[in-house]
Amino acid sequence: MQTWTPLGHEPGVVLEELTRLYWCGVERDLLCIMVSLHIWSHDRYASIVRSALSPQHEAEARWSGFEAFVARATGAEGEEL
């Protein structure tokens, strides 16, 4: 178990740490992501993937990336970064 380490008040330190944590999570989940993409590439899932990417669903689609991670981690979700 890791212990908490104070980050300090220097500019950019929190963003650096959030970036590190984000990429640790990506690395941890990369195999699952790759397997999922491989499965979805099969023909039997083509209609589902096309439907999910259609213009009518585009407004509902919520792509999560680093910005969404930072917003959730800092409590700024819903605000423009």
C-alpha atoms as a PDB file:
ATOM      1  CA  MET A   1       0.000   0.000   0.000  1.00  0.00           C
ATOM      2  CA  GLN A   2       1.305   3.410  -0.941  1.00  0.00           C
ATOM      3  CA  THR A   3       1.270   6.268   1.510  1.00  0.00           C
ATOM      4  CA  TRP A   4       0.199   9.798   0.702  1.00  0.00           C
ATOM      5  CA  THR A   5       2.963  12.205  -0.251  1.00  0.00           C
ATOM      6  CA  PRO A   6       2.391  15.968  -0.125  1.00  0.00           C
ATOM      7  CA  LEU A   7       2.872  17.561  -3.546  1.00  0.00           C
ATOM      8  CA  GLY A   8       3.728  21.085  -2.456  1.00  0.00           C
ATOM      9  CA  HIS A   9       2.536  24.371  -3.883  1.00  0.00           C
ATOM     10  CA  GLU A  10       4.808  24.835  -6.883  1.00  0.00           C
ATOM     11  CA  PRO A  11       3.003  25.685 -10.138  1.00  0.00           C
ATOM     12  CA  GLY A  12       2.523  22.677 -12.370  1.00  0.00           C
ATOM     13  CA  VAL A  13       3.174  20.055  -9.691  1.00  0.00           C
ATOM     14  CA  VAL A  14      -0.459  18.956  -9.458  1.00  0.00           C
ATOM     15  CA  LEU A  15      -0.825  18.796 -13.236  1.00  0.00           C
ATOM     16  CA  GLU A  16       2.386  16.739 -13.465  1.00  0.00           C
ATOM     17  CA  GLU A  17       1.098  14.306 -10.854  1.00  0.00           C
ATOM     18  CA  LEU A  18      -2.325  14.038 -12.521  1.00  0.00           C
ATOM     19  CA  THR A  19      -0.599  13.348 -15.841  1.00  0.00           C
ATOM     20  CA  ARG A  20       1.484  10.604 -14.229  1.00  0.00           C
ATOM     21  CA  LEU A  21      -1.582   9.038 -12.605  1.00  0.00           C
ATOM     22  CA  TYR A  22      -3.564   9.198 -15.857  1.00  0.00           C
ATOM     23  CA  TRP A  23      -0.879   7.401 -17.852  1.00  0.00           C
ATOM     24  CA  CYS A  24      -0.430   4.801 -15.085  1.00  0.00           C
ATOM     25  CA  GLY A  25      -4.134   4.035 -15.449  1.00  0.00           C
ATOM     26  CA  VAL A  26      -3.882   3.851 -19.240  1.00  0.00           C
ATOM     27  CA  GLU A  27      -0.919   1.486 -18.962  1.00  0.00           C
ATOM     28  CA  ARG A  28      -2.812  -0.666 -16.450  1.00  0.00           C
ATOM     29  CA  ASP A  29      -5.898  -0.896 -18.699  1.00  0.00           C
ATOM     30  CA  LEU A  30      -4.185  -1.017 -22.094  1.00  0.00           C
ATOM     31  CA  LEU A  31      -4.495  -4.775 -22.569  1.00  0.00           C
ATOM     32  CA  CYS A  32      -8.252  -4.661 -21.861  1.00  0.00           C
ATOM     33  CA  ILE A  33      -8.646  -1.723 -24.261  1.00  0.00           C
ATOM     34  CA  MET A  34      -6.754  -3.529 -27.025  1.00  0.00           C
ATOM     35  CA  VAL A  35      -8.720  -6.767 -26.545  1.00  0.00           C
ATOM     36  CA  SER A  36     -12.014  -4.834 -26.640  1.00  0.00           C
ATOM     37  CA  LEU A  37     -11.034  -3.026 -29.845  1.00  0.00           C
ATOM     38  CA  HIS A  38     -10.028  -6.330 -31.426  1.00  0.00           C
ATOM     39  CA  ILE A  39     -13.349  -7.949 -30.501  1.00  0.00           C
ATOM     40  CA  TRP A  40     -15.349  -4.978 -31.766  1.00  0.00           C
ATOM     41  CA  SER A  41     -13.509  -5.136 -35.097  1.00  0.00           C
ATOM     42  CA  HIS A  42     -15.200  -8.460 -35.945  1.00  0.00           C
ATOM     43  CA  ASP A  43     -17.998  -8.361 -38.518  1.00  0.00           C
ATOM     44  CA  ARG A  44     -20.700  -9.471 -36.080  1.00  0.00           C
ATOM     45  CA  TYR A  45     -20.220  -6.228 -34.102  1.00  0.00           C
ATOM     46  CA  ALA A  46     -20.011  -3.917 -37.145  1.00  0.00           C
ATOM     47  CA  SER A  47     -23.658  -2.787 -36.974  1.00  0.00           C
ATOM     48  CA  ILE A  48     -23.366  -1.993 -33.264  1.00  0.00           C
ATOM     49  CA  VAL A  49     -20.194   0.035 -33.795  1.00  0.00           C
ATOM     50  CA  ARG A  50     -21.716   1.896 -36.783  1.00  0.00           C
ATOM     51  CA  SER A  51     -24.830   2.665 -34.730  1.00  0.00           C
ATOM     52  CA  ALA A  52     -22.763   3.995 -31.825  1.00  0.00           C
ATOM     53  CA  LEU A  53     -20.811   6.253 -34.187  1.00  0.00           C
ATOM     54  CA  SER A  54     -23.861   7.562 -36.070  1.00  0.00           C
ATOM     55  CA  PRO A  55     -24.604  11.316 -36.046  1.00  0.00           C
ATOM     56  CA  GLN A  56     -27.730  10.819 -33.930  1.00  0.00           C
ATOM     57  CA  HIS A  57     -25.605   9.340 -31.137  1.00  0.00           C
ATOM     58  CA  GLU A  58     -22.730  11.766 -31.552  1.00  0.00           C
ATOM     59  CA  ALA A  59     -24.245  14.311 -29.167  1.00  0.00           C
ATOM     60  CA  GLU A  60     -24.630  11.615 -26.513  1.00  0.00           C
ATOM     61  CA  ALA A  61     -21.125  10.262 -26.949  1.00  0.00           C
ATOM     62  CA  ARG A  62     -18.806  11.186 -24.141  1.00  0.00           C
ATOM     63  CA  TRP A  63     -15.209  10.515 -24.970  1.00  0.00           C
ATOM     64  CA  SER A  64     -13.124  10.444 -21.841  1.00  0.00           C
ATOM     65  CA  GLY A  65      -9.513  11.388 -21.985  1.00  0.00           C
ATOM     66  CA  PHE A  66      -6.999  13.296 -19.952  1.00  0.00           C
ATOM     67  CA  GLU A  67      -9.169  16.434 -19.722  1.00  0.00           C
ATOM     68  CA  ALA A  68     -12.130  14.446 -18.366  1.00  0.00           C
ATOM     69  CA  PHE A  69      -9.821  12.667 -15.902  1.00  0.00           C
ATOM     70  CA  VAL A  70      -8.458  16.006 -14.635  1.00  0.00           C
ATOM     71  CA  ALA A  71     -11.974  17.447 -14.353  1.00  0.00           C
ATOM     72  CA  ARG A  72     -13.149  14.481 -12.252  1.00  0.00           C
ATOM     73  CA  ALA A  73      -9.971  14.451 -10.161  1.00  0.00           C
ATOM     74  CA  THR A  74     -10.166  18.162  -9.376  1.00  0.00           C
ATOM     75  CA  GLY A  75     -13.933  18.434  -8.980  1.00  0.00           C
ATOM     76  CA  ALA A  76     -14.191  20.670 -12.057  1.00  0.00           C
ATOM     77  CA  GLU A  77     -16.412  18.242 -13.994  1.00  0.00           C
ATOM     78  CA  GLY A  78     -18.789  20.145 -16.245  1.00  0.00           C
ATOM     79  CA  GLU A  79     -16.502  23.178 -16.427  1.00  0.00           C
ATOM     80  CA  GLU A  80     -14.493  23.985 -19.527  1.00  0.00           C
ATOM     81  CA  LEU A  81     -10.788  23.341 -19.043  1.00  0.00           C
END
